[in-house]
Amino acid sequence: MGALVGGVPLWLEIVAKVLALAGYLATMWVIHVNRFAARTICGEQGQKVISSGPYRLVRRPLYFVALVMWIATAPALGSSVALPLLALLIPVLVFRLLNEENVLRWELPDYDEYCQKRRFRLIPYLW
């Protein structure tokens, strides 16, 4: 029955659950480091560029964490069927990320300088 519904090996399910948990913990870390983190990006009074914590690795750590959790969710639930659907979400994530970076460049004076220091937007050492 497991093969019919895209079952995954137990070891992969356990690794995926650990990754999902790490993703939730990393989300709390990002929000702790950047109190301006929000669902909608806009410059607020007193907002400054954050370059510490997870922002040392990538410019958009919440997106990185979301990607890790998206990848981990299907195998964590014991299924690989939903994994190909991730391919549909990635372009949306990239479009939103690029749009938000444009907003931040416009609204935060130091964001361009931060971008020059932090080359990677989403995935450390890749992009």
PDB file of N, CA and C in Angstrom:
ATOM      1  N   MET A   1       0.825  -1.198   0.000  1.00  0.00           N
ATOM      2  CA  MET A   1       0.000   0.000   0.000  1.00  0.00           C
ATOM      3  C   MET A   1       0.866   1.257   0.000  1.00  0.00           C
ATOM      4  N   GLY A   2       1.976   1.262   0.787  1.00  0.00           N
ATOM      5  CA  GLY A   2       2.833   2.429   0.883  1.00  0.00           C
ATOM      6  C   GLY A   2       3.383   2.866  -0.469  1.00  0.00           C
ATOM      7  N   ALA A   3       3.744   1.899  -1.333  1.00  0.00           N
ATOM      8  CA  ALA A   3       4.295   2.250  -2.638  1.00  0.00           C
ATOM      9  C   ALA A   3       3.240   2.924  -3.517  1.00  0.00           C
ATOM     10  N   LEU A   4       1.968   2.589  -3.303  1.00  0.00           N
ATOM     11  CA  LEU A   4       0.903   3.174  -4.116  1.00  0.00           C
ATOM     12  C   LEU A   4       0.650   4.634  -3.786  1.00  0.00           C
ATOM     13  N   VAL A   5       0.914   5.038  -2.569  1.00  0.00           N
ATOM     14  CA  VAL A   5       0.655   6.418  -2.166  1.00  0.00           C
ATOM     15  C   VAL A   5       1.941   7.209  -1.972  1.00  0.00           C
ATOM     16  N   GLY A   6       3.049   6.704  -2.503  1.00  0.00           N
ATOM     17  CA  GLY A   6       4.300   7.451  -2.441  1.00  0.00           C
ATOM     18  C   GLY A   6       4.969   7.401  -1.087  1.00  0.00           C
ATOM     19  N   GLY A   7       4.916   6.250  -0.438  1.00  0.00           N
ATOM     20  CA  GLY A   7       5.549   6.107   0.867  1.00  0.00           C
ATOM     21  C   GLY A   7       7.041   6.369   0.808  1.00  0.00           C
ATOM     22  N   VAL A   8       7.617   6.754   1.918  1.00  0.00           N
ATOM     23  CA  VAL A   8       9.054   7.020   2.002  1.00  0.00           C
ATOM     24  C   VAL A   8       9.647   6.117   3.077  1.00  0.00           C
ATOM     25  N   PRO A   9      10.926   5.839   2.987  1.00  0.00           N
ATOM     26  CA  PRO A   9      11.567   5.023   4.024  1.00  0.00           C
ATOM     27  C   PRO A   9      11.516   5.733   5.384  1.00  0.00           C
ATOM     28  N   LEU A  10      11.487   4.958   6.432  1.00  0.00           N
ATOM     29  CA  LEU A  10      11.397   5.505   7.788  1.00  0.00           C
ATOM     30  C   LEU A  10      12.537   6.473   8.077  1.00  0.00           C
ATOM     31  N   TRP A  11      13.753   6.146   7.650  1.00  0.00           N
ATOM     32  CA  TRP A  11      14.895   7.027   7.927  1.00  0.00           C
ATOM     33  C   TRP A  11      14.677   8.406   7.301  1.00  0.00           C
ATOM     34  N   LEU A  12      14.106   8.437   6.081  1.00  0.00           N
ATOM     35  CA  LEU A  12      13.860   9.707   5.411  1.00  0.00           C
ATOM     36  C   LEU A  12      12.754  10.490   6.119  1.00  0.00           C
ATOM     37  N   GLU A  13      11.754   9.785   6.589  1.00  0.00           N
ATOM     38  CA  GLU A  13      10.679  10.424   7.335  1.00  0.00           C
ATOM     39  C   GLU A  13      11.225  11.084   8.607  1.00  0.00           C
ATOM     40  N   ILE A  14      12.114  10.397   9.290  1.00  0.00           N
ATOM     41  CA  ILE A  14      12.705  10.942  10.519  1.00  0.00           C
ATOM     42  C   ILE A  14      13.579  12.158  10.208  1.00  0.00           C
ATOM     43  N   VAL A  15      14.410  12.058   9.177  1.00  0.00           N
ATOM     44  CA  VAL A  15      15.258  13.189   8.782  1.00  0.00           C
ATOM     45  C   VAL A  15      14.390  14.391   8.406  1.00  0.00           C
ATOM     46  N   ALA A  16      13.314  14.143   7.675  1.00  0.00           N
ATOM     47  CA  ALA A  16      12.417  15.224   7.259  1.00  0.00           C
ATOM     48  C   ALA A  16      11.747  15.875   8.464  1.00  0.00           C
ATOM     49  N   LYS A  17      11.384  15.081   9.461  1.00  0.00           N
ATOM     50  CA  LYS A  17      10.770  15.659  10.670  1.00  0.00           C
ATOM     51  C   LYS A  17      11.770  16.519  11.419  1.00  0.00           C
ATOM     52  N   VAL A  18      13.007  16.086  11.467  1.00  0.00           N
ATOM     53  CA  VAL A  18      14.052  16.890  12.112  1.00  0.00           C
ATOM     54  C   VAL A  18      14.247  18.202  11.339  1.00  0.00           C
ATOM     55  N   LEU A  19      14.251  18.128  10.000  1.00  0.00           N
ATOM     56  CA  LEU A  19      14.382  19.342   9.190  1.00  0.00           C
ATOM     57  C   LEU A  19      13.197  20.286   9.390  1.00  0.00           C
ATOM     58  N   ALA A  20      12.000  19.729   9.471  1.00  0.00           N
ATOM     59  CA  ALA A  20      10.807  20.566   9.695  1.00  0.00           C
ATOM     60  C   ALA A  20      10.900  21.263  11.052  1.00  0.00           C
ATOM     61  N   LEU A  21      11.292  20.524  12.081  1.00  0.00           N
ATOM     62  CA  LEU A  21      11.463  21.126  13.407  1.00  0.00           C
ATOM     63  C   LEU A  21      12.543  22.196  13.382  1.00  0.00           C
ATOM     64  N   ALA A  22      13.654  21.906  12.714  1.00  0.00           N
ATOM     65  CA  ALA A  22      14.729  22.897  12.603  1.00  0.00           C
ATOM     66  C   ALA A  22      14.212  24.145  11.887  1.00  0.00           C
ATOM     67  N   GLY A  23      13.351  23.955  10.905  1.00  0.00           N
ATOM     68  CA  GLY A  23      12.767  25.088  10.201  1.00  0.00           C
ATOM     69  C   GLY A  23      11.932  25.961  11.118  1.00  0.00           C
ATOM     70  N   TYR A  24      11.121  25.352  11.964  1.00  0.00           N
ATOM     71  CA  TYR A  24      10.319  26.141  12.906  1.00  0.00           C
ATOM     72  C   TYR A  24      11.206  26.887  13.890  1.00  0.00           C
ATOM     73  N   LEU A  25      12.242  26.222  14.386  1.00  0.00           N
ATOM     74  CA  LEU A  25      13.164  26.885  15.313  1.00  0.00           C
ATOM     75  C   LEU A  25      13.910  28.026  14.622  1.00  0.00           C
ATOM     76  N   ALA A  26      14.323  27.807  13.372  1.00  0.00           N
ATOM     77  CA  ALA A  26      15.012  28.852  12.622  1.00  0.00           C
ATOM     78  C   ALA A  26      14.091  30.048  12.369  1.00  0.00           C
ATOM     79  N   THR A  27      12.801  29.784  12.140  1.00  0.00           N
ATOM     80  CA  THR A  27      11.839  30.870  11.966  1.00  0.00           C
ATOM     81  C   THR A  27      11.791  31.743  13.213  1.00  0.00           C
ATOM     82  N   MET A  28      11.762  31.109  14.371  1.00  0.00           N
ATOM     83  CA  MET A  28      11.752  31.879  15.623  1.00  0.00           C
ATOM     84  C   MET A  28      13.044  32.681  15.781  1.00  0.00           C
ATOM     85  N   TRP A  29      14.168  32.114  15.356  1.00  0.00           N
ATOM     86  CA  TRP A  29      15.453  32.810  15.430  1.00  0.00           C
ATOM     87  C   TRP A  29      15.434  34.046  14.540  1.00  0.00           C
ATOM     88  N   VAL A  30      14.947  33.899  13.302  1.00  0.00           N
ATOM     89  CA  VAL A  30      14.890  35.028  12.375  1.00  0.00           C
ATOM     90  C   VAL A  30      14.015  36.144  12.950  1.00  0.00           C
ATOM     91  N   ILE A  31      12.862  35.777  13.468  1.00  0.00           N
ATOM     92  CA  ILE A  31      11.946  36.786  14.020  1.00  0.00           C
ATOM     93  C   ILE A  31      12.541  37.444  15.263  1.00  0.00           C
ATOM     94  N   HIS A  32      13.289  36.685  16.045  1.00  0.00           N
ATOM     95  CA  HIS A  32      13.949  37.255  17.218  1.00  0.00           C
ATOM     96  C   HIS A  32      15.011  38.279  16.800  1.00  0.00           C
ATOM     97  N   VAL A  33      15.779  37.951  15.754  1.00  0.00           N
ATOM     98  CA  VAL A  33      16.850  38.829  15.289  1.00  0.00           C
ATOM     99  C   VAL A  33      16.292  40.064  14.581  1.00  0.00           C
ATOM    100  N   ASN A  34      15.207  39.875  13.838  1.00  0.00           N
ATOM    101  CA  ASN A  34      14.649  40.976  13.057  1.00  0.00           C
ATOM    102  C   ASN A  34      13.194  41.197  13.453  1.00  0.00           C
ATOM    103  N   ARG A  35      12.965  42.125  14.341  1.00  0.00           N
ATOM    104  CA  ARG A  35      11.602  42.428  14.817  1.00  0.00           C
ATOM    105  C   ARG A  35      10.730  43.059  13.731  1.00  0.00           C
ATOM    106  N   PHE A  36      11.345  43.457  12.623  1.00  0.00           N
ATOM    107  CA  PHE A  36      10.577  44.025  11.517  1.00  0.00           C
ATOM    108  C   PHE A  36      10.133  42.966  10.520  1.00  0.00           C
ATOM    109  N   ALA A  37      10.526  41.709  10.739  1.00  0.00           N
ATOM    110  CA  ALA A  37      10.107  40.632   9.843  1.00  0.00           C
ATOM    111  C   ALA A  37       8.582  40.561   9.850  1.00  0.00           C
ATOM    112  N   ALA A  38       8.015  40.524   8.653  1.00  0.00           N
ATOM    113  CA  ALA A  38       6.560  40.535   8.536  1.00  0.00           C
ATOM    114  C   ALA A  38       6.131  39.843   7.255  1.00  0.00           C
ATOM    115  N   ARG A  39       4.861  39.583   7.167  1.00  0.00           N
ATOM    116  CA  ARG A  39       4.290  38.945   5.981  1.00  0.00           C
ATOM    117  C   ARG A  39       4.366  39.873   4.769  1.00  0.00           C
ATOM    118  N   THR A  40       4.167  41.159   5.010  1.00  0.00           N
ATOM    119  CA  THR A  40       4.220  42.152   3.945  1.00  0.00           C
ATOM    120  C   THR A  40       5.426  43.050   4.184  1.00  0.00           C
ATOM    121  N   ILE A  41       6.228  43.213   3.150  1.00  0.00           N
ATOM    122  CA  ILE A  41       7.441  44.016   3.282  1.00  0.00           C
ATOM    123  C   ILE A  41       7.134  45.484   3.014  1.00  0.00           C
ATOM    124  N   CYS A  42       7.531  46.312   3.965  1.00  0.00           N
ATOM    125  CA  CYS A  42       7.454  47.756   3.784  1.00  0.00           C
ATOM    126  C   CYS A  42       8.391  48.386   4.807  1.00  0.00           C
ATOM    127  N   GLY A  43       8.967  49.494   4.424  1.00  0.00           N
ATOM    128  CA  GLY A  43       9.845  50.193   5.346  1.00  0.00           C
ATOM    129  C   GLY A  43       9.033  50.835   6.460  1.00  0.00           C
ATOM    130  N   GLU A  44       9.506  50.676   7.678  1.00  0.00           N
ATOM    131  CA  GLU A  44       8.837  51.277   8.827  1.00  0.00           C
ATOM    132  C   GLU A  44       9.780  52.263   9.497  1.00  0.00           C
ATOM    133  N   GLN A  45       9.204  53.192  10.223  1.00  0.00           N
ATOM    134  CA  GLN A  45      10.024  54.171  10.928  1.00  0.00           C
ATOM    135  C   GLN A  45      10.949  53.452  11.898  1.00  0.00           C
ATOM    136  N   GLY A  46      12.205  53.805  11.856  1.00  0.00           N
ATOM    137  CA  GLY A  46      13.191  53.210  12.748  1.00  0.00           C
ATOM    138  C   GLY A  46      13.752  51.888  12.250  1.00  0.00           C
ATOM    139  N   GLN A  47      13.274  51.411  11.118  1.00  0.00           N
ATOM    140  CA  GLN A  47      13.762  50.132  10.600  1.00  0.00           C
ATOM    141  C   GLN A  47      15.167  50.301  10.060  1.00  0.00           C
ATOM    142  N   LYS A  48      15.985  49.307  10.310  1.00  0.00           N
ATOM    143  CA  LYS A  48      17.340  49.320   9.775  1.00  0.00           C
ATOM    144  C   LYS A  48      17.640  47.947   9.182  1.00  0.00           C
ATOM    145  N   VAL A  49      18.679  47.896   8.399  1.00  0.00           N
ATOM    146  CA  VAL A  49      19.100  46.639   7.784  1.00  0.00           C
ATOM    147  C   VAL A  49      19.696  45.752   8.871  1.00  0.00           C
ATOM    148  N   ILE A  50      19.247  44.514   8.915  1.00  0.00           N
ATOM    149  CA  ILE A  50      19.771  43.531   9.864  1.00  0.00           C
ATOM    150  C   ILE A  50      20.792  42.678   9.118  1.00  0.00           C
ATOM    151  N   SER A  51      21.980  42.556   9.679  1.00  0.00           N
ATOM    152  CA  SER A  51      23.019  41.755   9.025  1.00  0.00           C
ATOM    153  C   SER A  51      23.634  40.732   9.977  1.00  0.00           C
ATOM    154  N   SER A  52      22.985  40.514  11.107  1.00  0.00           N
ATOM    155  CA  SER A  52      23.503  39.543  12.072  1.00  0.00           C
ATOM    156  C   SER A  52      22.635  38.285  12.056  1.00  0.00           C
ATOM    157  N   GLY A  53      23.052  37.298  12.846  1.00  0.00           N
ATOM    158  CA  GLY A  53      22.287  36.051  12.941  1.00  0.00           C
ATOM    159  C   GLY A  53      22.165  35.386  11.579  1.00  0.00           C
ATOM    160  N   PRO A  54      20.972  34.928  11.238  1.00  0.00           N
ATOM    161  CA  PRO A  54      20.792  34.234   9.955  1.00  0.00           C
ATOM    162  C   PRO A  54      20.987  35.154   8.745  1.00  0.00           C
ATOM    163  N   TYR A  55      20.909  36.452   8.963  1.00  0.00           N
ATOM    164  CA  TYR A  55      21.108  37.410   7.879  1.00  0.00           C
ATOM    165  C   TYR A  55      22.577  37.504   7.466  1.00  0.00           C
ATOM    166  N   ARG A  56      23.477  36.867   8.201  1.00  0.00           N
ATOM    167  CA  ARG A  56      24.876  36.774   7.792  1.00  0.00           C
ATOM    168  C   ARG A  56      25.046  35.773   6.656  1.00  0.00           C
ATOM    169  N   LEU A  57      24.120  34.801   6.566  1.00  0.00           N
ATOM    170  CA  LEU A  57      24.230  33.731   5.574  1.00  0.00           C
ATOM    171  C   LEU A  57      23.512  34.045   4.266  1.00  0.00           C
ATOM    172  N   VAL A  58      22.286  34.512   4.385  1.00  0.00           N
ATOM    173  CA  VAL A  58      21.484  34.860   3.204  1.00  0.00           C
ATOM    174  C   VAL A  58      20.682  36.114   3.508  1.00  0.00           C
ATOM    175  N   ARG A  59      20.306  36.818   2.438  1.00  0.00           N
ATOM    176  CA  ARG A  59      19.548  38.055   2.622  1.00  0.00           C
ATOM    177  C   ARG A  59      18.109  37.800   3.021  1.00  0.00           C
ATOM    178  N   ARG A  60      17.548  36.675   2.647  1.00  0.00           N
ATOM    179  CA  ARG A  60      16.136  36.389   2.912  1.00  0.00           C
ATOM    180  C   ARG A  60      16.015  35.052   3.665  1.00  0.00           C
ATOM    181  N   PRO A  61      16.440  35.004   4.920  1.00  0.00           N
ATOM    182  CA  PRO A  61      16.448  33.731   5.647  1.00  0.00           C
ATOM    183  C   PRO A  61      15.067  33.118   5.872  1.00  0.00           C
ATOM    184  N   LEU A  62      14.016  33.917   5.997  1.00  0.00           N
ATOM    185  CA  LEU A  62      12.685  33.321   6.169  1.00  0.00           C
ATOM    186  C   LEU A  62      12.274  32.543   4.928  1.00  0.00           C
ATOM    187  N   TYR A  63      12.671  33.003   3.770  1.00  0.00           N
ATOM    188  CA  TYR A  63      12.371  32.276   2.540  1.00  0.00           C
ATOM    189  C   TYR A  63      13.166  30.969   2.485  1.00  0.00           C
ATOM    190  N   PHE A  64      14.412  31.021   2.904  1.00  0.00           N
ATOM    191  CA  PHE A  64      15.221  29.798   2.957  1.00  0.00           C
ATOM    192  C   PHE A  64      14.577  28.776   3.887  1.00  0.00           C
ATOM    193  N   VAL A  65      14.161  29.234   5.059  1.00  0.00           N
ATOM    194  CA  VAL A  65      13.521  28.346   6.033  1.00  0.00           C
ATOM    195  C   VAL A  65      12.222  27.777   5.460  1.00  0.00           C
ATOM    196  N   ALA A  66      11.438  28.614   4.800  1.00  0.00           N
ATOM    197  CA  ALA A  66      10.189  28.138   4.188  1.00  0.00           C
ATOM    198  C   ALA A  66      10.487  27.064   3.152  1.00  0.00           C
ATOM    199  N   LEU A  67      11.500  27.264   2.351  1.00  0.00           N
ATOM    200  CA  LEU A  67      11.866  26.286   1.334  1.00  0.00           C
ATOM    201  C   LEU A  67      12.261  24.955   1.968  1.00  0.00           C
ATOM    202  N   VAL A  68      13.066  25.007   3.015  1.00  0.00           N
ATOM    203  CA  VAL A  68      13.464  23.784   3.728  1.00  0.00           C
ATOM    204  C   VAL A  68      12.227  23.074   4.278  1.00  0.00           C
ATOM    205  N   MET A  69      11.320  23.818   4.887  1.00  0.00           N
ATOM    206  CA  MET A  69      10.122  23.194   5.453  1.00  0.00           C
ATOM    207  C   MET A  69       9.215  22.642   4.362  1.00  0.00           C
ATOM    208  N   TRP A  70       9.112  23.332   3.230  1.00  0.00           N
ATOM    209  CA  TRP A  70       8.302  22.809   2.118  1.00  0.00           C
ATOM    210  C   TRP A  70       8.867  21.482   1.633  1.00  0.00           C
ATOM    211  N   ILE A  71      10.194  21.423   1.484  1.00  0.00           N
ATOM    212  CA  ILE A  71      10.830  20.195   1.017  1.00  0.00           C
ATOM    213  C   ILE A  71      10.644  19.067   2.032  1.00  0.00           C
ATOM    214  N   ALA A  72      10.690  19.398   3.313  1.00  0.00           N
ATOM    215  CA  ALA A  72      10.611  18.382   4.365  1.00  0.00           C
ATOM    216  C   ALA A  72       9.190  17.900   4.658  1.00  0.00           C
ATOM    217  N   THR A  73       8.190  18.693   4.348  1.00  0.00           N
ATOM    218  CA  THR A  73       6.826  18.372   4.782  1.00  0.00           C
ATOM    219  C   THR A  73       6.310  17.052   4.232  1.00  0.00           C
ATOM    220  N   ALA A  74       6.387  16.845   2.930  1.00  0.00           N
ATOM    221  CA  ALA A  74       5.835  15.613   2.348  1.00  0.00           C
ATOM    222  C   ALA A  74       6.504  14.366   2.929  1.00  0.00           C
ATOM    223  N   PRO A  75       7.840  14.258   2.919  1.00  0.00           N
ATOM    224  CA  PRO A  75       8.435  13.059   3.507  1.00  0.00           C
ATOM    225  C   PRO A  75       8.208  12.954   5.020  1.00  0.00           C
ATOM    226  N   ALA A  76       8.106  14.085   5.709  1.00  0.00           N
ATOM    227  CA  ALA A  76       7.830  14.042   7.152  1.00  0.00           C
ATOM    228  C   ALA A  76       6.467  13.426   7.423  1.00  0.00           C
ATOM    229  N   LEU A  77       5.540  13.608   6.489  1.00  0.00           N
ATOM    230  CA  LEU A  77       4.205  13.029   6.627  1.00  0.00           C
ATOM    231  C   LEU A  77       4.126  11.626   6.033  1.00  0.00           C
ATOM    232  N   GLY A  78       5.271  11.115   5.575  1.00  0.00           N
ATOM    233  CA  GLY A  78       5.326   9.752   5.062  1.00  0.00           C
ATOM    234  C   GLY A  78       4.931   9.616   3.607  1.00  0.00           C
ATOM    235  N   SER A  79       4.964  10.714   2.858  1.00  0.00           N
ATOM    236  CA  SER A  79       4.549  10.671   1.458  1.00  0.00           C
ATOM    237  C   SER A  79       5.523  11.448   0.590  1.00  0.00           C
ATOM    238  N   SER A  80       5.734  10.957  -0.608  1.00  0.00           N
ATOM    239  CA  SER A  80       6.553  11.706  -1.562  1.00  0.00           C
ATOM    240  C   SER A  80       5.694  12.263  -2.694  1.00  0.00           C
ATOM    241  N   VAL A  81       4.404  12.023  -2.641  1.00  0.00           N
ATOM    242  CA  VAL A  81       3.491  12.451  -3.705  1.00  0.00           C
ATOM    243  C   VAL A  81       3.483  13.967  -3.850  1.00  0.00           C
ATOM    244  N   ALA A  82       3.488  14.705  -2.774  1.00  0.00           N
ATOM    245  CA  ALA A  82       3.376  16.164  -2.837  1.00  0.00           C
ATOM    246  C   ALA A  82       4.680  16.850  -3.232  1.00  0.00           C
ATOM    247  N   LEU A  83       5.792  16.148  -3.182  1.00  0.00           N
ATOM    248  CA  LEU A  83       7.080  16.768  -3.464  1.00  0.00           C
ATOM    249  C   LEU A  83       7.160  17.418  -4.849  1.00  0.00           C
ATOM    250  N   PRO A  84       6.663  16.799  -5.912  1.00  0.00           N
ATOM    251  CA  PRO A  84       6.721  17.472  -7.225  1.00  0.00           C
ATOM    252  C   PRO A  84       5.934  18.787  -7.277  1.00  0.00           C
ATOM    253  N   LEU A  85       4.952  18.936  -6.418  1.00  0.00           N
ATOM    254  CA  LEU A  85       4.187  20.186  -6.393  1.00  0.00           C
ATOM    255  C   LEU A  85       5.041  21.361  -5.945  1.00  0.00           C
ATOM    256  N   LEU A  86       6.125  21.061  -5.256  1.00  0.00           N
ATOM    257  CA  LEU A  86       7.053  22.106  -4.817  1.00  0.00           C
ATOM    258  C   LEU A  86       7.577  22.889  -6.020  1.00  0.00           C
ATOM    259  N   ALA A  87       7.733  22.217  -7.131  1.00  0.00           N
ATOM    260  CA  ALA A  87       8.224  22.885  -8.335  1.00  0.00           C
ATOM    261  C   ALA A  87       7.302  24.034  -8.752  1.00  0.00           C
ATOM    262  N   LEU A  88       6.022  23.939  -8.405  1.00  0.00           N
ATOM    263  CA  LEU A  88       5.087  25.014  -8.731  1.00  0.00           C
ATOM    264  C   LEU A  88       5.228  26.199  -7.779  1.00  0.00           C
ATOM    265  N   LEU A  89       5.675  25.942  -6.559  1.00  0.00           N
ATOM    266  CA  LEU A  89       5.812  27.008  -5.570  1.00  0.00           C
ATOM    267  C   LEU A  89       7.106  27.808  -5.718  1.00  0.00           C
ATOM    268  N   ILE A  90       8.129  27.180  -6.224  1.00  0.00           N
ATOM    269  CA  ILE A  90       9.437  27.838  -6.296  1.00  0.00           C
ATOM    270  C   ILE A  90       9.405  29.114  -7.134  1.00  0.00           C
ATOM    271  N   PRO A  91       8.796  29.122  -8.329  1.00  0.00           N
ATOM    272  CA  PRO A  91       8.757  30.397  -9.076  1.00  0.00           C
ATOM    273  C   PRO A  91       8.007  31.507  -8.329  1.00  0.00           C
ATOM    274  N   VAL A  92       6.968  31.148  -7.600  1.00  0.00           N
ATOM    275  CA  VAL A  92       6.226  32.144  -6.813  1.00  0.00           C
ATOM    276  C   VAL A  92       7.133  32.715  -5.725  1.00  0.00           C
ATOM    277  N   LEU A  93       7.854  31.844  -5.059  1.00  0.00           N
ATOM    278  CA  LEU A  93       8.778  32.262  -4.004  1.00  0.00           C
ATOM    279  C   LEU A  93       9.848  33.195  -4.570  1.00  0.00           C
ATOM    280  N   VAL A  94      10.424  32.839  -5.694  1.00  0.00           N
ATOM    281  CA  VAL A  94      11.483  33.652  -6.308  1.00  0.00           C
ATOM    282  C   VAL A  94      10.926  35.002  -6.750  1.00  0.00           C
ATOM    283  N   PHE A  95       9.756  35.019  -7.371  1.00  0.00           N
ATOM    284  CA  PHE A  95       9.143  36.278  -7.800  1.00  0.00           C
ATOM    285  C   PHE A  95       8.900  37.197  -6.608  1.00  0.00           C
ATOM    286  N   ARG A  96       8.353  36.638  -5.538  1.00  0.00           N
ATOM    287  CA  ARG A  96       8.069  37.444  -4.346  1.00  0.00           C
ATOM    288  C   ARG A  96       9.359  37.964  -3.723  1.00  0.00           C
ATOM    289  N   LEU A  97      10.363  37.113  -3.635  1.00  0.00           N
ATOM    290  CA  LEU A  97      11.648  37.504  -3.062  1.00  0.00           C
ATOM    291  C   LEU A  97      12.258  38.658  -3.849  1.00  0.00           C
ATOM    292  N   LEU A  98      12.284  38.551  -5.160  1.00  0.00           N
ATOM    293  CA  LEU A  98      12.872  39.613  -5.985  1.00  0.00           C
ATOM    294  C   LEU A  98      12.087  40.915  -5.852  1.00  0.00           C
ATOM    295  N   ASN A  99      10.774  40.818  -5.793  1.00  0.00           N
ATOM    296  CA  ASN A  99       9.940  42.007  -5.612  1.00  0.00           C
ATOM    297  C   ASN A  99      10.226  42.666  -4.257  1.00  0.00           C
ATOM    298  N   GLU A 100      10.326  41.872  -3.220  1.00  0.00           N
ATOM    299  CA  GLU A 100      10.605  42.428  -1.892  1.00  0.00           C
ATOM    300  C   GLU A 100      11.981  43.066  -1.830  1.00  0.00           C
ATOM    301  N   GLU A 101      12.939  42.476  -2.508  1.00  0.00           N
ATOM    302  CA  GLU A 101      14.271  43.085  -2.516  1.00  0.00           C
ATOM    303  C   GLU A 101      14.226  44.458  -3.175  1.00  0.00           C
ATOM    304  N   ASN A 102      13.432  44.614  -4.219  1.00  0.00           N
ATOM    305  CA  ASN A 102      13.283  45.930  -4.849  1.00  0.00           C
ATOM    306  C   ASN A 102      12.670  46.929  -3.875  1.00  0.00           C
ATOM    307  N   VAL A 103      11.678  46.505  -3.122  1.00  0.00           N
ATOM    308  CA  VAL A 103      11.041  47.384  -2.124  1.00  0.00           C
ATOM    309  C   VAL A 103      12.066  47.789  -1.070  1.00  0.00           C
ATOM    310  N   LEU A 104      12.839  46.822  -0.581  1.00  0.00           N
ATOM    311  CA  LEU A 104      13.828  47.122   0.458  1.00  0.00           C
ATOM    312  C   LEU A 104      14.921  48.050  -0.068  1.00  0.00           C
ATOM    313  N   ARG A 105      15.322  47.869  -1.305  1.00  0.00           N
ATOM    314  CA  ARG A 105      16.328  48.775  -1.896  1.00  0.00           C
ATOM    315  C   ARG A 105      15.795  50.209  -1.947  1.00  0.00           C
ATOM    316  N   TRP A 106      14.536  50.326  -2.210  1.00  0.00           N
ATOM    317  CA  TRP A 106      13.899  51.642  -2.324  1.00  0.00           C
ATOM    318  C   TRP A 106      13.708  52.283  -0.949  1.00  0.00           C
ATOM    319  N   GLU A 107      13.333  51.476   0.057  1.00  0.00           N
ATOM    320  CA  GLU A 107      12.919  52.030   1.344  1.00  0.00           C
ATOM    321  C   GLU A 107      13.980  52.005   2.439  1.00  0.00           C
ATOM    322  N   LEU A 108      15.010  51.185   2.289  1.00  0.00           N
ATOM    323  CA  LEU A 108      16.073  51.132   3.302  1.00  0.00           C
ATOM    324  C   LEU A 108      17.383  51.600   2.671  1.00  0.00           C
ATOM    325  N   PRO A 109      17.904  52.727   3.125  1.00  0.00           N
ATOM    326  CA  PRO A 109      19.082  53.312   2.479  1.00  0.00           C
ATOM    327  C   PRO A 109      20.315  52.404   2.467  1.00  0.00           C
ATOM    328  N   ASP A 110      20.493  51.563   3.464  1.00  0.00           N
ATOM    329  CA  ASP A 110      21.692  50.723   3.553  1.00  0.00           C
ATOM    330  C   ASP A 110      21.527  49.355   2.895  1.00  0.00           C
ATOM    331  N   TYR A 111      20.369  49.096   2.293  1.00  0.00           N
ATOM    332  CA  TYR A 111      20.113  47.754   1.766  1.00  0.00           C
ATOM    333  C   TYR A 111      21.020  47.408   0.587  1.00  0.00           C
ATOM    334  N   ASP A 112      21.316  48.364  -0.274  1.00  0.00           N
ATOM    335  CA  ASP A 112      22.224  48.097  -1.403  1.00  0.00           C
ATOM    336  C   ASP A 112      23.595  47.661  -0.910  1.00  0.00           C
ATOM    337  N   GLU A 113      24.098  48.360   0.089  1.00  0.00           N
ATOM    338  CA  GLU A 113      25.402  48.009   0.666  1.00  0.00           C
ATOM    339  C   GLU A 113      25.357  46.606   1.276  1.00  0.00           C
ATOM    340  N   TYR A 114      24.278  46.298   1.976  1.00  0.00           N
ATOM    341  CA  TYR A 114      24.092  44.964   2.558  1.00  0.00           C
ATOM    342  C   TYR A 114      24.100  43.899   1.457  1.00  0.00           C
ATOM    343  N   CYS A 115      23.427  44.174   0.339  1.00  0.00           N
ATOM    344  CA  CYS A 115      23.364  43.225  -0.779  1.00  0.00           C
ATOM    345  C   CYS A 115      24.751  42.979  -1.370  1.00  0.00           C
ATOM    346  N   GLN A 116      25.582  43.981  -1.381  1.00  0.00           N
ATOM    347  CA  GLN A 116      26.938  43.810  -1.898  1.00  0.00           C
ATOM    348  C   GLN A 116      27.764  42.918  -0.974  1.00  0.00           C
ATOM    349  N   LYS A 117      27.497  42.989   0.322  1.00  0.00           N
ATOM    350  CA  LYS A 117      28.222  42.163   1.293  1.00  0.00           C
ATOM    351  C   LYS A 117      27.654  40.751   1.378  1.00  0.00           C
ATOM    352  N   ARG A 118      26.350  40.617   1.188  1.00  0.00           N
ATOM    353  CA  ARG A 118      25.682  39.306   1.264  1.00  0.00           C
ATOM    354  C   ARG A 118      25.210  38.950  -0.135  1.00  0.00           C
ATOM    355  N   ARG A 119      26.032  38.218  -0.857  1.00  0.00           N
ATOM    356  CA  ARG A 119      25.720  37.915  -2.247  1.00  0.00           C
ATOM    357  C   ARG A 119      24.529  36.985  -2.405  1.00  0.00           C
ATOM    358  N   PHE A 120      24.313  36.110  -1.440  1.00  0.00           N
ATOM    359  CA  PHE A 120      23.315  35.055  -1.607  1.00  0.00           C
ATOM    360  C   PHE A 120      21.960  35.494  -1.086  1.00  0.00           C
ATOM    361  N   ARG A 121      20.963  35.416  -1.954  1.00  0.00           N
ATOM    362  CA  ARG A 121      19.612  35.830  -1.594  1.00  0.00           C
ATOM    363  C   ARG A 121      18.885  34.767  -0.783  1.00  0.00           C
ATOM    364  N   LEU A 122      18.937  33.528  -1.267  1.00  0.00           N
ATOM    365  CA  LEU A 122      18.064  32.489  -0.733  1.00  0.00           C
ATOM    366  C   LEU A 122      18.807  31.274  -0.222  1.00  0.00           C
ATOM    367  N   ILE A 123      19.733  30.765  -1.019  1.00  0.00           N
ATOM    368  CA  ILE A 123      20.431  29.538  -0.660  1.00  0.00           C
ATOM    369  C   ILE A 123      21.911  29.848  -0.495  1.00  0.00           C
ATOM    370  N   PRO A 124      22.443  29.599   0.712  1.00  0.00           N
ATOM    371  CA  PRO A 124      23.857  29.919   0.944  1.00  0.00           C
ATOM    372  C   PRO A 124      24.775  29.270  -0.093  1.00  0.00           C
ATOM    373  N   TYR A 125      25.712  30.041  -0.602  1.00  0.00           N
ATOM    374  CA  TYR A 125      26.740  29.619  -1.560  1.00  0.00           C
ATOM    375  C   TYR A 125      26.169  29.194  -2.916  1.00  0.00           C
ATOM    376  N   LEU A 126      24.891  29.462  -3.167  1.00  0.00           N
ATOM    377  CA  LEU A 126      24.297  29.099  -4.453  1.00  0.00           C
ATOM    378  C   LEU A 126      23.629  30.283  -5.127  1.00  0.00           C
ATOM    379  N   TRP A 127      22.607  30.882  -4.453  1.00  0.00           N
ATOM    380  CA  TRP A 127      21.881  32.002  -5.055  1.00  0.00           C
ATOM    381  C   TRP A 127      21.304  32.911  -3.993  1.00  0.00           C
TER     382      TRP A 127
END
